[in-house]
């Protein structure tokens, strides 16, 4: 009898087809994410779960699914899963790293350029019928990107990809990193990037792009003090995790023009509440967590997600195991 698998949202066809060839699959039929209670109810008897960032897979959910052996996350991040508890239960957790690096870096740059050159604001201006003079010397003035200083907070795969794109704009690149890695050495050798502490980076950068995972250490990494260190002409870009930034303090800094602009793909609560003060500001570009949203990347993520799950439930070691120690026991 085939193992049962529950998929918490429909993922691109290739991945579902692969999973369906090996397991008895059921898929959550709605666009909205299932609650924890709904996941438990739908996944009874399942040995595998395919999850998204919006799914809260805590110890309570894990305990309520006694046959669970594998959780295949359709994302790079996995802070929605209690990995430590899953490991204690002998449940393998996997993710989909690497494949979305370039796509997310593209979006970071789209936000950076849109915020610095006021692209979204200009689009609204035209659509509202306010463009009445062909060309104005002071109309919608932005800031130059070419030759500016880019600060990258977190020099991992995506941070490096963002920095590599900066070389085409002749930018000075600063970065922070908790450790010396192959990627940080490449950043210094190939990009001419300079490692500095966070305060220095914030003071000297014209653009700050965030690329750190969400951990207790990085929650509200950018708050009132840090925003106060930034240039009044600076632009903040976040494609990492929403809670890395204190949104309330960011909204204040933007409304008071203590920093010039922001480009945001992620938020502390998603979807962003309609009463968020960020939505009323003209100097912030907001998109709905679409960092990896290209046809090619989402399809590849689905394939990797399926491969991880198939390997885990077949007793093999998945290529992208978050907690490989489960196999080492």
Protein backbone atom coordinates (compact mmCIF):
# COMPACT_ATOMS: atom_id res chain seq x y z
CA UNK A 1 0.00 0.00 0.00
CA UNK A 2 1.40 3.42 -1.00
CA UNK A 3 2.33 5.91 1.69
CA UNK A 4 -0.11 8.77 2.13
CA UNK A 5 1.05 12.35 1.58
CA UNK A 6 -0.75 15.63 2.23
CA UNK A 7 0.17 18.74 0.22
CA UNK A 8 -0.90 21.98 1.90
CA UNK A 9 -1.30 23.95 -1.37
CA UNK A 10 -1.23 23.05 -5.03
CA UNK A 11 2.31 23.33 -6.36
CA UNK A 12 3.36 23.40 -10.05
CA UNK A 13 2.29 20.29 -11.95
CA UNK A 14 5.64 18.57 -12.39
CA UNK A 15 6.15 18.26 -8.65
CA UNK A 16 2.66 16.97 -7.97
CA UNK A 17 2.91 14.48 -10.81
CA UNK A 18 6.17 13.11 -9.42
CA UNK A 19 4.72 12.76 -5.92
CA UNK A 20 1.55 11.16 -7.31
CA UNK A 21 3.57 8.49 -9.12
CA UNK A 22 4.91 7.23 -5.77
CA UNK A 23 2.31 8.03 -3.12
CA UNK A 24 -1.38 8.38 -2.36
CA UNK A 25 -1.68 12.18 -2.50
CA UNK A 26 -4.30 14.59 -1.23
CA UNK A 27 -4.04 18.35 -1.84
CA UNK A 28 -5.59 21.21 0.13
CA UNK A 29 -8.24 22.52 -2.31
CA UNK A 30 -8.29 26.19 -1.32
CA UNK A 31 -6.09 29.19 -2.13
CA UNK A 32 -5.97 30.23 1.52
CA UNK A 33 -3.55 28.28 3.72
CA UNK A 34 -4.99 25.61 6.02
CA UNK A 35 -4.97 26.24 9.75
CA UNK A 36 -2.99 23.94 12.03
CA UNK A 37 -6.23 22.16 12.93
CA UNK A 38 -7.08 21.68 9.26
CA UNK A 39 -3.63 20.28 8.51
CA UNK A 40 -3.98 17.78 11.34
CA UNK A 41 -7.43 16.75 10.15
CA UNK A 42 -6.46 16.41 6.48
CA UNK A 43 -3.13 14.68 7.14
CA UNK A 44 -4.31 11.93 9.48
CA UNK A 45 -2.52 8.71 8.57
CA UNK A 46 -0.01 10.54 6.36
CA UNK A 47 3.69 9.73 6.38
CA UNK A 48 4.66 12.80 4.37
CA UNK A 49 3.78 16.50 4.31
CA UNK A 50 4.53 19.10 1.64
CA UNK A 51 4.44 22.48 3.37
CA UNK A 52 4.76 26.20 2.64
CA UNK A 53 6.09 29.06 4.74
CA UNK A 54 2.57 29.99 5.83
CA UNK A 55 2.00 26.57 7.44
CA UNK A 56 2.69 26.41 11.17
CA UNK A 57 4.17 22.96 11.77
CA UNK A 58 4.81 23.08 15.50
CA UNK A 59 5.18 20.32 18.08
CA UNK A 60 1.41 20.11 18.48
CA UNK A 61 0.89 19.39 14.79
CA UNK A 62 3.75 16.90 14.76
CA UNK A 63 2.41 15.05 17.82
CA UNK A 64 -1.04 14.86 16.24
CA UNK A 65 0.41 13.03 13.20
CA UNK A 66 2.02 9.91 14.70
CA UNK A 67 2.81 8.29 11.32
CA UNK A 68 4.64 11.35 9.97
CA UNK A 69 8.14 10.58 8.69
CA UNK A 70 9.02 13.48 6.36
CA UNK A 71 8.23 17.17 5.92
CA UNK A 72 9.20 18.55 2.51
CA UNK A 73 9.19 22.34 2.59
CA UNK A 74 8.44 24.13 -0.68
CA UNK A 75 10.78 27.02 0.18
CA UNK A 76 14.32 27.79 1.25
CA UNK A 77 13.35 29.09 4.70
CA UNK A 78 11.82 26.77 7.27
CA UNK A 79 11.23 28.92 10.36
CA UNK A 80 7.58 27.82 10.25
CA UNK A 81 8.64 24.29 11.22
CA UNK A 82 9.81 23.17 14.67
CA UNK A 83 12.85 21.41 13.24
CA UNK A 84 14.31 20.62 16.65
CA UNK A 85 11.17 18.79 17.71
CA UNK A 86 10.87 17.04 14.35
CA UNK A 87 14.44 15.82 14.76
CA UNK A 88 13.64 14.42 18.21
CA UNK A 89 10.76 12.53 16.64
CA UNK A 90 13.03 11.21 13.87
CA UNK A 91 11.20 13.16 11.16
CA UNK A 92 13.32 14.37 8.25
CA UNK A 93 12.80 18.00 7.18
CA UNK A 94 13.90 19.20 3.73
CA UNK A 95 13.90 22.47 1.81
CA UNK A 96 14.65 23.83 -1.68
CA UNK A 97 17.82 25.97 -1.48
CA UNK A 98 19.92 27.33 -4.33
CA UNK A 99 17.32 27.13 -7.07
CA UNK A 100 15.73 30.50 -6.27
CA UNK A 101 18.97 32.42 -5.71
CA UNK A 102 19.11 34.28 -9.01
CA UNK A 103 15.37 34.87 -9.21
CA UNK A 104 15.25 36.42 -5.74
CA UNK A 105 18.31 38.54 -6.51
CA UNK A 106 16.51 39.80 -9.62
CA UNK A 107 13.56 40.88 -7.50
CA UNK A 108 15.79 42.58 -4.94
CA UNK A 109 17.21 44.65 -7.76
CA UNK A 110 13.76 45.34 -9.19
CA UNK A 111 12.72 46.73 -5.80
CA UNK A 112 15.96 48.69 -5.43
CA UNK A 113 15.58 50.34 -8.82
CA UNK A 114 11.84 50.93 -8.47
CA UNK A 115 12.25 52.56 -5.06
CA UNK A 116 15.25 54.68 -6.02
CA UNK A 117 13.74 55.94 -9.28
CA UNK A 118 10.15 56.17 -7.96
CA UNK A 119 8.84 53.88 -10.70
CA UNK A 120 5.63 52.80 -8.96
CA UNK A 121 4.88 56.33 -7.83
CA UNK A 122 5.41 57.56 -11.39
CA UNK A 123 3.12 54.86 -12.77
CA UNK A 124 0.34 55.93 -10.38
CA UNK A 125 0.96 59.57 -11.31
CA UNK A 126 0.37 58.87 -15.00
CA UNK A 127 -2.66 56.62 -14.47
CA UNK A 128 -4.29 59.22 -12.22
CA UNK A 129 -4.17 61.76 -15.06
CA UNK A 130 -1.72 64.04 -13.25
CA UNK A 131 0.87 64.10 -16.05
CA UNK A 132 -0.07 67.37 -17.73
CA UNK A 133 3.34 68.81 -18.70
CA UNK A 134 5.51 66.87 -21.14
CA UNK A 135 8.73 67.28 -19.16
CA UNK A 136 9.47 68.99 -15.86
CA UNK A 137 12.92 69.76 -14.39
CA UNK A 138 11.90 68.63 -10.89
CA UNK A 139 9.28 66.01 -11.73
CA UNK A 140 9.60 62.82 -9.65
CA UNK A 141 13.30 63.14 -8.97
CA UNK A 142 14.93 59.96 -7.75
CA UNK A 143 18.47 58.97 -6.80
CA UNK A 144 21.25 57.52 -8.95
CA UNK A 145 22.15 53.89 -8.47
CA UNK A 146 25.26 53.89 -10.66
CA UNK A 147 28.38 54.53 -8.59
CA UNK A 148 26.52 54.41 -5.25
CA UNK A 149 27.32 52.24 -2.22
CA UNK A 150 25.37 49.01 -1.70
CA UNK A 151 25.29 47.39 1.73
CA UNK A 152 24.43 43.68 1.80
CA UNK A 153 23.35 42.36 5.19
CA UNK A 154 24.08 38.64 5.02
CA UNK A 155 26.53 37.44 2.39
CA UNK A 156 25.06 34.06 1.50
CA UNK A 157 24.04 32.78 -1.93
CA UNK A 158 21.41 35.45 -2.57
CA UNK A 159 23.50 38.24 -1.06
CA UNK A 160 26.36 37.31 -3.36
CA UNK A 161 24.06 37.24 -6.39
CA UNK A 162 22.79 40.72 -5.50
CA UNK A 163 26.37 41.94 -5.10
CA UNK A 164 27.40 40.44 -8.44
CA UNK A 165 24.69 42.47 -10.17
CA UNK A 166 26.02 45.60 -8.47
CA UNK A 167 29.29 45.34 -10.38
CA UNK A 168 27.39 46.28 -13.56
CA UNK A 169 26.42 49.52 -11.83
CA UNK A 170 29.98 50.24 -10.73
CA UNK A 171 28.88 50.18 -7.09
CA UNK A 172 30.99 50.02 -3.98
CA UNK A 173 29.84 46.93 -2.06
CA UNK A 174 29.91 46.56 1.72
CA UNK A 175 28.68 43.48 3.51
CA UNK A 176 28.16 41.86 6.90
CA UNK A 177 28.52 38.19 7.72
CA UNK A 178 28.71 36.22 10.97
CA UNK A 179 31.39 33.93 9.57
CA UNK A 180 34.15 33.62 7.00
CA UNK A 181 32.94 31.33 4.21
CA UNK A 182 33.72 30.37 0.65
CA UNK A 183 31.04 32.83 -0.47
CA UNK A 184 32.41 35.75 1.57
CA UNK A 185 35.89 35.10 0.20
CA UNK A 186 34.47 35.08 -3.33
CA UNK A 187 32.66 38.33 -2.61
CA UNK A 188 35.91 40.00 -1.61
CA UNK A 189 38.00 38.51 -4.41
CA UNK A 190 35.52 38.73 -7.29
CA UNK A 191 33.35 41.70 -6.33
CA UNK A 192 35.79 43.78 -4.33
CA UNK A 193 33.31 43.70 -1.45
CA UNK A 194 34.45 44.94 1.95
CA UNK A 195 33.38 43.31 5.19
CA UNK A 196 32.26 45.75 7.88
CA UNK A 197 30.10 45.71 11.00
CA UNK A 198 26.39 46.44 10.70
CA UNK A 199 26.58 49.98 12.08
CA UNK A 200 29.26 50.96 9.57
CA UNK A 201 27.30 49.42 6.74
CA UNK A 202 24.15 51.32 7.68
CA UNK A 203 25.98 54.64 8.02
CA UNK A 204 27.84 54.41 4.70
CA UNK A 205 25.39 52.67 2.34
CA UNK A 206 23.09 54.40 -0.12
CA UNK A 207 21.16 51.13 -0.53
CA UNK A 208 20.78 48.41 2.11
CA UNK A 209 19.60 44.95 1.02
CA UNK A 210 18.70 42.33 3.63
CA UNK A 211 19.57 38.65 3.09
CA UNK A 212 19.58 36.93 6.49
CA UNK A 213 17.42 34.06 7.77
CA UNK A 214 14.89 34.74 10.50
CA UNK A 215 16.28 33.59 13.85
CA UNK A 216 15.95 34.94 17.40
CA UNK A 217 19.17 36.83 16.72
CA UNK A 218 17.91 38.51 13.52
CA UNK A 219 14.32 39.29 14.59
CA UNK A 220 13.96 43.10 14.37
CA UNK A 221 17.61 43.31 13.39
CA UNK A 222 16.65 46.59 11.72
CA UNK A 223 14.82 48.68 14.29
CA UNK A 224 14.64 52.28 15.47
CA UNK A 225 18.36 52.56 16.32
CA UNK A 226 19.50 50.96 13.08
CA UNK A 227 17.16 53.07 10.92
CA UNK A 228 18.54 56.11 12.71
CA UNK A 229 22.03 55.24 11.51
CA UNK A 230 21.02 55.21 7.85
CA UNK A 231 21.42 58.16 5.51
CA UNK A 232 18.27 60.25 4.98
CA UNK A 233 18.75 59.50 1.26
CA UNK A 234 19.09 55.73 1.78
CA UNK A 235 16.82 53.00 0.42
CA UNK A 236 16.10 49.78 2.36
CA UNK A 237 15.27 46.57 0.46
CA UNK A 238 13.97 43.43 2.17
CA UNK A 239 13.53 40.11 0.36
CA UNK A 240 14.53 37.92 3.32
CA UNK A 241 11.94 37.68 6.11
CA UNK A 242 9.51 40.35 7.22
CA UNK A 243 10.29 40.14 10.92
CA UNK A 244 13.95 41.00 10.29
CA UNK A 245 12.62 44.58 10.18
CA UNK A 246 10.54 46.30 12.85
CA UNK A 247 7.77 47.44 10.51
CA UNK A 248 6.29 49.97 12.91
CA UNK A 249 9.62 51.76 13.21
CA UNK A 250 10.21 51.49 9.45
CA UNK A 251 6.84 53.12 8.74
CA UNK A 252 7.74 55.97 11.10
CA UNK A 253 11.15 56.45 9.49
CA UNK A 254 9.61 56.52 6.01
CA UNK A 255 6.74 58.86 6.93
CA UNK A 256 9.14 61.27 8.64
CA UNK A 257 11.56 60.99 5.67
CA UNK A 258 14.37 59.84 7.98
CA UNK A 259 15.20 57.41 5.16
CA UNK A 260 14.22 58.05 1.58
CA UNK A 261 12.41 54.87 0.53
CA UNK A 262 11.98 51.12 0.91
CA UNK A 263 11.26 48.14 -1.34
CA UNK A 264 9.56 45.27 0.49
CA UNK A 265 8.67 41.74 -0.59
CA UNK A 266 8.15 40.27 2.90
CA UNK A 267 6.27 41.36 6.01
CA UNK A 268 5.83 40.53 9.67
CA UNK A 269 2.28 39.40 8.91
CA UNK A 270 1.40 38.02 5.51
CA UNK A 271 -0.79 39.04 3.80
CA UNK A 272 0.05 42.51 5.08
CA UNK A 273 -2.93 43.91 7.07
CA UNK A 274 -4.90 46.52 5.15
CA UNK A 275 -4.53 48.93 8.08
CA UNK A 276 -0.72 48.76 7.96
CA UNK A 277 0.74 52.28 7.92
CA UNK A 278 3.13 51.16 5.18
CA UNK A 279 0.26 50.99 2.69
CA UNK A 280 -0.44 54.69 3.02
CA UNK A 281 3.07 55.81 2.14
CA UNK A 282 4.18 56.89 -1.32
CA UNK A 283 7.87 56.15 -0.70
CA UNK A 284 7.60 52.39 -0.28
CA UNK A 285 7.27 49.77 -3.03
CA UNK A 286 5.31 46.74 -1.81
CA UNK A 287 4.97 43.36 -3.53
CA UNK A 288 3.32 40.17 -2.16
CA UNK A 289 6.24 37.83 -1.35
CA UNK A 290 7.13 37.08 -4.97
CA UNK A 291 10.90 36.73 -4.64
CA UNK A 292 10.93 33.29 -6.27
CA UNK A 293 7.90 33.88 -8.48
CA UNK A 294 9.09 32.99 -11.93
CA UNK A 295 7.68 30.07 -13.92
CA UNK A 296 11.09 28.45 -14.22
CA UNK A 297 12.05 28.77 -10.55
CA UNK A 298 8.71 27.71 -9.04
CA UNK A 299 8.67 24.64 -11.30
CA UNK A 300 12.22 23.71 -10.29
CA UNK A 301 11.32 24.20 -6.62
CA UNK A 302 8.40 21.79 -7.05
CA UNK A 303 10.70 19.21 -8.65
CA UNK A 304 13.25 19.46 -5.83
CA UNK A 305 10.49 19.34 -3.23
CA UNK A 306 9.15 16.14 -4.80
CA UNK A 307 12.61 14.58 -5.07
CA UNK A 308 13.27 15.33 -1.40
CA UNK A 309 10.01 13.72 -0.32
CA UNK A 310 10.41 10.65 -2.52
CA UNK A 311 13.93 10.05 -1.20
CA UNK A 312 12.94 10.55 2.45
CA UNK A 313 9.95 8.19 2.33
CA UNK A 314 12.00 5.63 0.41
CA UNK A 315 14.56 5.47 3.22
CA UNK A 316 17.20 7.37 1.27
CA UNK A 317 18.99 10.54 2.31
CA UNK A 318 17.46 13.57 0.52
CA UNK A 319 19.86 15.96 -1.17
CA UNK A 320 18.53 18.93 0.79
CA UNK A 321 18.00 17.66 4.32
CA UNK A 322 17.71 20.40 6.93
CA UNK A 323 18.32 17.94 9.78
CA UNK A 324 20.58 15.20 8.36
CA UNK A 325 21.34 14.07 11.89
CA UNK A 326 18.11 12.06 11.69
CA UNK A 327 19.95 9.75 9.25
CA UNK A 328 23.10 9.70 11.34
CA UNK A 329 21.40 8.15 14.34
